[in-house]
Amino acid sequence: AHTGVPVPDKLTESDTRWLPTISEVQRTLDSTG
C-alpha cells in the first residue's frame, strides 16, 4: 500500500475523495437484518 504495488481490493487513496472497498460495503450491509 505504501510502495504503490497493486493489491486485491486495494484501498483508494485520494486527496479529493475516499471510497470504501467492496468488502467494507458488504460488511456494512451485514451489520443489520
All heavy atoms as atom14 arrays in JSON, in Angstrom:
{
  "sequence": "AHTGVPVPDKLTESDTRWLPTISEVQRTLDSTG",
  "atom14_mask": [
    [1, 1, 1, 1, 1, 0, 0, 0, 0, 0, 0, 0, 0, 0],
    [1, 1, 1, 1, 1, 1, 1, 1, 1, 1, 0, 0, 0, 0],
    [1, 1, 1, 1, 1, 1, 1, 0, 0, 0, 0, 0, 0, 0],
    [1, 1, 1, 1, 0, 0, 0, 0, 0, 0, 0, 0, 0, 0],
    [1, 1, 1, 1, 1, 1, 1, 0, 0, 0, 0, 0, 0, 0],
    [1, 1, 1, 1, 1, 1, 1, 0, 0, 0, 0, 0, 0, 0],
    [1, 1, 1, 1, 1, 1, 1, 0, 0, 0, 0, 0, 0, 0],
    [1, 1, 1, 1, 1, 1, 1, 0, 0, 0, 0, 0, 0, 0],
    [1, 1, 1, 1, 1, 1, 1, 1, 0, 0, 0, 0, 0, 0],
    [1, 1, 1, 1, 1, 1, 1, 1, 1, 0, 0, 0, 0, 0],
    [1, 1, 1, 1, 1, 1, 1, 1, 0, 0, 0, 0, 0, 0],
    [1, 1, 1, 1, 1, 1, 1, 0, 0, 0, 0, 0, 0, 0],
    [1, 1, 1, 1, 1, 1, 1, 1, 1, 0, 0, 0, 0, 0],
    [1, 1, 1, 1, 1, 1, 0, 0, 0, 0, 0, 0, 0, 0],
    [1, 1, 1, 1, 1, 1, 1, 1, 0, 0, 0, 0, 0, 0],
    [1, 1, 1, 1, 1, 1, 1, 0, 0, 0, 0, 0, 0, 0],
    [1, 1, 1, 1, 1, 1, 1, 1, 1, 1, 1, 0, 0, 0],
    [1, 1, 1, 1, 1, 1, 1, 1, 1, 1, 1, 1, 1, 1],
    [1, 1, 1, 1, 1, 1, 1, 1, 0, 0, 0, 0, 0, 0],
    [1, 1, 1, 1, 1, 1, 1, 0, 0, 0, 0, 0, 0, 0],
    [1, 1, 1, 1, 1, 1, 1, 0, 0, 0, 0, 0, 0, 0],
    [1, 1, 1, 1, 1, 1, 1, 1, 0, 0, 0, 0, 0, 0],
    [1, 1, 1, 1, 1, 1, 0, 0, 0, 0, 0, 0, 0, 0],
    [1, 1, 1, 1, 1, 1, 1, 1, 1, 0, 0, 0, 0, 0],
    [1, 1, 1, 1, 1, 1, 1, 0, 0, 0, 0, 0, 0, 0],
    [1, 1, 1, 1, 1, 1, 1, 1, 1, 0, 0, 0, 0, 0],
    [1, 1, 1, 1, 1, 1, 1, 1, 1, 1, 1, 0, 0, 0],
    [1, 1, 1, 1, 1, 1, 1, 0, 0, 0, 0, 0, 0, 0],
    [1, 1, 1, 1, 1, 1, 1, 1, 0, 0, 0, 0, 0, 0],
    [1, 1, 1, 1, 1, 1, 1, 1, 0, 0, 0, 0, 0, 0],
    [1, 1, 1, 1, 1, 1, 0, 0, 0, 0, 0, 0, 0, 0],
    [1, 1, 1, 1, 1, 1, 1, 0, 0, 0, 0, 0, 0, 0],
    [1, 1, 1, 1, 0, 0, 0, 0, 0, 0, 0, 0, 0, 0]
  ],
  "atom14_positions": [
    [[0.82, -1.21, 0.0], [0.0, 0.0, 0.0], [0.85, 1.25, 0.0], [0.48, 2.28, -0.58], [-0.93, -0.01, 1.21], [0.0, 0.0, 0.0], [0.0, 0.0, 0.0], [0.0, 0.0, 0.0], [0.0, 0.0, 0.0], [0.0, 0.0, 0.0], [0.0, 0.0, 0.0], [0.0, 0.0, 0.0], [0.0, 0.0, 0.0], [0.0, 0.0, 0.0]],
    [[2.02, 1.18, 0.63], [2.9, 2.35, 0.71], [3.86, 2.46, -0.46], [4.39, 3.53, -0.72], [3.68, 2.33, 2.03], [2.88, 2.77, 3.2], [2.54, 4.08, 3.42], [2.31, 2.06, 4.22], [1.82, 4.19, 4.53], [1.65, 2.97, 5.03], [0.0, 0.0, 0.0], [0.0, 0.0, 0.0], [0.0, 0.0, 0.0], [0.0, 0.0, 0.0]],
    [[4.09, 1.35, -1.18], [5.02, 1.4, -2.31], [4.31, 1.47, -3.66], [4.94, 1.55, -4.7], [5.94, 0.16, -2.31], [5.13, -1.03, -2.35], [6.81, 0.14, -1.07], [0.0, 0.0, 0.0], [0.0, 0.0, 0.0], [0.0, 0.0, 0.0], [0.0, 0.0, 0.0], [0.0, 0.0, 0.0], [0.0, 0.0, 0.0], [0.0, 0.0, 0.0]],
    [[2.96, 1.44, -3.61], [2.2, 1.58, -4.85], [1.99, 0.31, -5.61], [1.49, 0.32, -6.73], [0.0, 0.0, 0.0], [0.0, 0.0, 0.0], [0.0, 0.0, 0.0], [0.0, 0.0, 0.0], [0.0, 0.0, 0.0], [0.0, 0.0, 0.0], [0.0, 0.0, 0.0], [0.0, 0.0, 0.0], [0.0, 0.0, 0.0], [0.0, 0.0, 0.0]],
    [[2.38, -0.85, -5.03], [2.17, -2.13, -5.7], [0.69, -2.51, -5.55], [0.17, -2.52, -4.45], [3.04, -3.24, -5.07], [2.75, -4.58, -5.72], [4.5, -2.87, -5.22], [0.0, 0.0, 0.0], [0.0, 0.0, 0.0], [0.0, 0.0, 0.0], [0.0, 0.0, 0.0], [0.0, 0.0, 0.0], [0.0, 0.0, 0.0], [0.0, 0.0, 0.0]],
    [[-0.01, -2.82, -6.67], [-1.43, -3.16, -6.58], [-1.66, -4.37, -5.68], [-0.91, -5.34, -5.71], [-1.81, -3.48, -8.03], [-0.8, -2.77, -8.86], [0.47, -2.85, -8.06], [0.0, 0.0, 0.0], [0.0, 0.0, 0.0], [0.0, 0.0, 0.0], [0.0, 0.0, 0.0], [0.0, 0.0, 0.0], [0.0, 0.0, 0.0], [0.0, 0.0, 0.0]],
    [[-2.71, -4.3, -4.86], [-3.12, -5.43, -4.01], [-4.6, -5.65, -4.23], [-5.31, -4.77, -4.69], [-2.85, -5.12, -2.52], [-1.38, -5.01, -2.26], [-3.58, -3.86, -2.08], [0.0, 0.0, 0.0], [0.0, 0.0, 0.0], [0.0, 0.0, 0.0], [0.0, 0.0, 0.0], [0.0, 0.0, 0.0], [0.0, 0.0, 0.0], [0.0, 0.0, 0.0]],
    [[-5.12, -6.86, -3.97], [-6.53, -7.15, -4.17], [-7.42, -6.18, -3.41], [-7.15, -5.85, -2.25], [-6.68, -8.58, -3.61], [-5.31, -9.16, -3.73], [-4.39, -8.02, -3.47], [0.0, 0.0, 0.0], [0.0, 0.0, 0.0], [0.0, 0.0, 0.0], [0.0, 0.0, 0.0], [0.0, 0.0, 0.0], [0.0, 0.0, 0.0], [0.0, 0.0, 0.0]],
    [[-8.5, -5.72, -4.07], [-9.46, -4.82, -3.44], [-8.75, -3.64, -2.79], [-9.01, -3.26, -1.66], [-10.26, -5.59, -2.37], [-11.64, -4.97, -2.18], [-12.04, -4.12, -2.98], [-12.3, -5.35, -1.21], [0.0, 0.0, 0.0], [0.0, 0.0, 0.0], [0.0, 0.0, 0.0], [0.0, 0.0, 0.0], [0.0, 0.0, 0.0], [0.0, 0.0, 0.0]],
    [[-7.82, -3.05, -3.53], [-6.93, -2.03, -2.99], [-7.71, -0.84, -2.44], [-8.68, -0.39, -3.02], [-5.97, -1.54, -4.07], [-4.89, -0.59, -3.54], [-3.95, -0.19, -4.65], [-2.82, 0.66, -4.12], [-3.27, 1.91, -3.57], [0.0, 0.0, 0.0], [0.0, 0.0, 0.0], [0.0, 0.0, 0.0], [0.0, 0.0, 0.0], [0.0, 0.0, 0.0]],
    [[-7.25, -0.31, -1.33], [-7.86, 0.87, -0.75], [-7.64, 2.05, -1.68], [-6.61, 2.18, -2.33], [-7.21, 1.18, 0.61], [-7.38, 0.11, 1.68], [-6.52, 0.46, 2.88], [-8.83, 0.01, 2.1], [0.0, 0.0, 0.0], [0.0, 0.0, 0.0], [0.0, 0.0, 0.0], [0.0, 0.0, 0.0], [0.0, 0.0, 0.0], [0.0, 0.0, 0.0]],
    [[-8.6, 2.93, -1.75], [-8.49, 4.13, -2.56], [-7.87, 5.25, -1.75], [-8.39, 5.6, -0.7], [-9.87, 4.58, -3.06], [-10.43, 3.53, -3.85], [-9.78, 5.83, -3.9], [0.0, 0.0, 0.0], [0.0, 0.0, 0.0], [0.0, 0.0, 0.0], [0.0, 0.0, 0.0], [0.0, 0.0, 0.0], [0.0, 0.0, 0.0], [0.0, 0.0, 0.0]],
    [[-6.78, 5.8, -2.22], [-6.18, 6.95, -1.57], [-6.3, 8.12, -2.51], [-5.91, 8.08, -3.66], [-4.71, 6.7, -1.26], [-4.49, 5.81, -0.05], [-3.03, 5.81, 0.38], [-2.35, 6.82, 0.12], [-2.6, 4.82, 0.94], [0.0, 0.0, 0.0], [0.0, 0.0, 0.0], [0.0, 0.0, 0.0], [0.0, 0.0, 0.0], [0.0, 0.0, 0.0]],
    [[-6.86, 9.22, -2.03], [-7.04, 10.39, -2.86], [-7.15, 11.61, -1.97], [-7.66, 11.55, -0.86], [-8.33, 10.25, -3.69], [-8.63, 11.46, -4.32], [0.0, 0.0, 0.0], [0.0, 0.0, 0.0], [0.0, 0.0, 0.0], [0.0, 0.0, 0.0], [0.0, 0.0, 0.0], [0.0, 0.0, 0.0], [0.0, 0.0, 0.0], [0.0, 0.0, 0.0]],
    [[-6.64, 12.7, -2.45], [-6.76, 13.94, -1.69], [-8.14, 14.54, -1.84], [-8.51, 15.48, -1.14], [-5.71, 14.96, -2.18], [-4.3, 14.54, -1.78], [-4.15, 13.81, -0.79], [-3.36, 14.97, -2.47], [0.0, 0.0, 0.0], [0.0, 0.0, 0.0], [0.0, 0.0, 0.0], [0.0, 0.0, 0.0], [0.0, 0.0, 0.0], [0.0, 0.0, 0.0]],
    [[-8.93, 14.04, -2.78], [-10.23, 14.64, -3.04], [-11.39, 13.77, -2.61], [-12.49, 14.26, -2.4], [-10.4, 14.94, -4.55], [-10.26, 13.72, -5.29], [-9.33, 15.93, -5.0], [0.0, 0.0, 0.0], [0.0, 0.0, 0.0], [0.0, 0.0, 0.0], [0.0, 0.0, 0.0], [0.0, 0.0, 0.0], [0.0, 0.0, 0.0], [0.0, 0.0, 0.0]],
    [[-11.2, 12.45, -2.48], [-12.29, 11.59, -2.06], [-11.76, 10.29, -1.49], [-10.64, 9.87, -1.75], [-13.22, 11.29, -3.23], [-12.62, 10.38, -4.29], [-13.63, 10.0, -5.34], [-13.08, 9.05, -6.29], [-13.78, 8.46, -7.25], [-15.05, 8.73, -7.38], [-13.21, 7.61, -8.08], [0.0, 0.0, 0.0], [0.0, 0.0, 0.0], [0.0, 0.0, 0.0]],
    [[-12.61, 9.67, -0.68], [-12.31, 8.35, -0.14], [-13.46, 7.44, -0.53], [-14.62, 7.83, -0.48], [-12.19, 8.41, 1.39], [-12.29, 7.05, 2.02], [-11.28, 6.15, 2.15], [-13.45, 6.43, 2.58], [-11.74, 5.0, 2.76], [-13.07, 5.15, 3.03], [-14.78, 6.83, 2.73], [-13.97, 4.27, 3.63], [-15.68, 5.96, 3.32], [-15.27, 4.69, 3.77]],
    [[-13.13, 6.22, -0.93], [-14.15, 5.24, -1.27], [-13.9, 3.96, -0.48], [-12.76, 3.55, -0.31], [-14.16, 4.93, -2.76], [-14.54, 6.06, -3.71], [-14.46, 5.58, -5.15], [-15.93, 6.58, -3.4], [0.0, 0.0, 0.0], [0.0, 0.0, 0.0], [0.0, 0.0, 0.0], [0.0, 0.0, 0.0], [0.0, 0.0, 0.0], [0.0, 0.0, 0.0]],
    [[-14.97, 3.32, -0.02], [-14.8, 2.05, 0.7], [-14.48, 0.94, -0.29], [-14.71, 1.06, -1.49], [-16.17, 1.83, 1.34], [-17.13, 2.49, 0.38], [-16.39, 3.7, -0.12], [0.0, 0.0, 0.0], [0.0, 0.0, 0.0], [0.0, 0.0, 0.0], [0.0, 0.0, 0.0], [0.0, 0.0, 0.0], [0.0, 0.0, 0.0], [0.0, 0.0, 0.0]],
    [[-13.95, -0.15, 0.21], [-13.75, -1.33, -0.61], [-15.07, -2.1, -0.68], [-15.99, -1.86, 0.11], [-12.67, -2.25, 0.01], [-13.12, -2.69, 1.29], [-11.35, -1.52, 0.15], [0.0, 0.0, 0.0], [0.0, 0.0, 0.0], [0.0, 0.0, 0.0], [0.0, 0.0, 0.0], [0.0, 0.0, 0.0], [0.0, 0.0, 0.0], [0.0, 0.0, 0.0]],
    [[-15.17, -3.04, -1.62], [-16.38, -3.85, -1.72], [-16.6, -4.63, -0.43], [-17.73, -4.74, 0.05], [-16.29, -4.8, -2.93], [-16.4, -4.0, -4.24], [-17.39, -5.86, -2.88], [-16.29, -4.82, -5.5], [0.0, 0.0, 0.0], [0.0, 0.0, 0.0], [0.0, 0.0, 0.0], [0.0, 0.0, 0.0], [0.0, 0.0, 0.0], [0.0, 0.0, 0.0]],
    [[-15.53, -5.16, 0.16], [-15.68, -5.93, 1.39], [-16.21, -5.06, 2.52], [-16.97, -5.54, 3.37], [-14.35, -6.57, 1.78], [-13.37, -5.59, 2.03], [0.0, 0.0, 0.0], [0.0, 0.0, 0.0], [0.0, 0.0, 0.0], [0.0, 0.0, 0.0], [0.0, 0.0, 0.0], [0.0, 0.0, 0.0], [0.0, 0.0, 0.0], [0.0, 0.0, 0.0]],
    [[-15.84, -3.8, 2.55], [-16.34, -2.9, 3.59], [-17.83, -2.6, 3.4], [-18.58, -2.51, 4.37], [-15.53, -1.6, 3.59], [-14.14, -1.76, 4.18], [-13.26, -0.55, 3.99], [-13.44, 0.19, 3.0], [-12.37, -0.34, 4.83], [0.0, 0.0, 0.0], [0.0, 0.0, 0.0], [0.0, 0.0, 0.0], [0.0, 0.0, 0.0], [0.0, 0.0, 0.0]],
    [[-18.26, -2.46, 2.15], [-19.67, -2.24, 1.89], [-20.47, -3.49, 2.23], [-21.57, -3.42, 2.79], [-19.9, -1.82, 0.41], [-21.39, -1.72, 0.09], [-19.23, -0.46, 0.14], [0.0, 0.0, 0.0], [0.0, 0.0, 0.0], [0.0, 0.0, 0.0], [0.0, 0.0, 0.0], [0.0, 0.0, 0.0], [0.0, 0.0, 0.0], [0.0, 0.0, 0.0]],
    [[-19.91, -4.66, 1.91], [-20.57, -5.92, 2.27], [-20.73, -6.02, 3.78], [-21.79, -6.42, 4.29], [-19.74, -7.1, 1.76], [-19.75, -7.26, 0.25], [-18.77, -8.32, -0.23], [-17.74, -8.57, 0.41], [-19.08, -8.95, -1.35], [0.0, 0.0, 0.0], [0.0, 0.0, 0.0], [0.0, 0.0, 0.0], [0.0, 0.0, 0.0], [0.0, 0.0, 0.0]],
    [[-19.68, -5.67, 4.5], [-19.71, -5.76, 5.97], [-20.73, -4.79, 6.55], [-21.4, -5.1, 7.54], [-18.31, -5.47, 6.52], [-18.16, -5.64, 8.01], [-16.71, -5.94, 8.37], [-15.79, -5.01, 7.76], [-15.46, -3.83, 8.29], [-15.99, -3.45, 9.42], [-14.6, -3.04, 7.68], [0.0, 0.0, 0.0], [0.0, 0.0, 0.0], [0.0, 0.0, 0.0]],
    [[-20.86, -3.62, 5.93], [-21.84, -2.64, 6.41], [-23.26, -3.16, 6.2], [-24.12, -3.05, 7.08], [-21.67, -1.3, 5.67], [-20.32, -0.85, 5.78], [-22.58, -0.24, 6.26], [0.0, 0.0, 0.0], [0.0, 0.0, 0.0], [0.0, 0.0, 0.0], [0.0, 0.0, 0.0], [0.0, 0.0, 0.0], [0.0, 0.0, 0.0], [0.0, 0.0, 0.0]],
    [[-23.51, -3.76, 5.03], [-24.83, -4.35, 4.77], [-25.12, -5.47, 5.76], [-26.24, -5.6, 6.28], [-24.89, -4.89, 3.35], [-26.2, -5.58, 2.93], [-27.36, -4.58, 2.93], [-26.05, -6.23, 1.56], [0.0, 0.0, 0.0], [0.0, 0.0, 0.0], [0.0, 0.0, 0.0], [0.0, 0.0, 0.0], [0.0, 0.0, 0.0], [0.0, 0.0, 0.0]],
    [[-24.12, -6.27, 6.08], [-24.28, -7.4, 7.0], [-24.54, -6.95, 8.44], [-24.92, -7.78, 9.28], [-23.05, -8.3, 6.98], [-22.95, -9.12, 5.71], [-23.97, -9.23, 5.01], [-21.85, -9.63, 5.41], [0.0, 0.0, 0.0], [0.0, 0.0, 0.0], [0.0, 0.0, 0.0], [0.0, 0.0, 0.0], [0.0, 0.0, 0.0], [0.0, 0.0, 0.0]],
    [[-24.32, -5.67, 8.73], [-24.46, -5.19, 10.11], [-25.9, -5.12, 10.58], [-26.17, -4.94, 11.76], [-23.81, -3.8, 10.26], [-24.59, -2.81, 9.58], [0.0, 0.0, 0.0], [0.0, 0.0, 0.0], [0.0, 0.0, 0.0], [0.0, 0.0, 0.0], [0.0, 0.0, 0.0], [0.0, 0.0, 0.0], [0.0, 0.0, 0.0], [0.0, 0.0, 0.0]],
    [[-26.85, -5.27, 9.66], [-28.26, -5.21, 10.05], [-29.08, -6.24, 9.3], [-28.74, -6.63, 8.18], [-28.85, -3.81, 9.78], [-30.21, -3.76, 10.25], [-28.84, -3.48, 8.29], [0.0, 0.0, 0.0], [0.0, 0.0, 0.0], [0.0, 0.0, 0.0], [0.0, 0.0, 0.0], [0.0, 0.0, 0.0], [0.0, 0.0, 0.0], [0.0, 0.0, 0.0]],
    [[-30.16, -6.67, 9.94], [-31.1, -7.57, 9.27], [-32.42, -6.87, 9.01], [-33.36, -7.48, 8.5], [0.0, 0.0, 0.0], [0.0, 0.0, 0.0], [0.0, 0.0, 0.0], [0.0, 0.0, 0.0], [0.0, 0.0, 0.0], [0.0, 0.0, 0.0], [0.0, 0.0, 0.0], [0.0, 0.0, 0.0], [0.0, 0.0, 0.0], [0.0, 0.0, 0.0]]
  ]
}
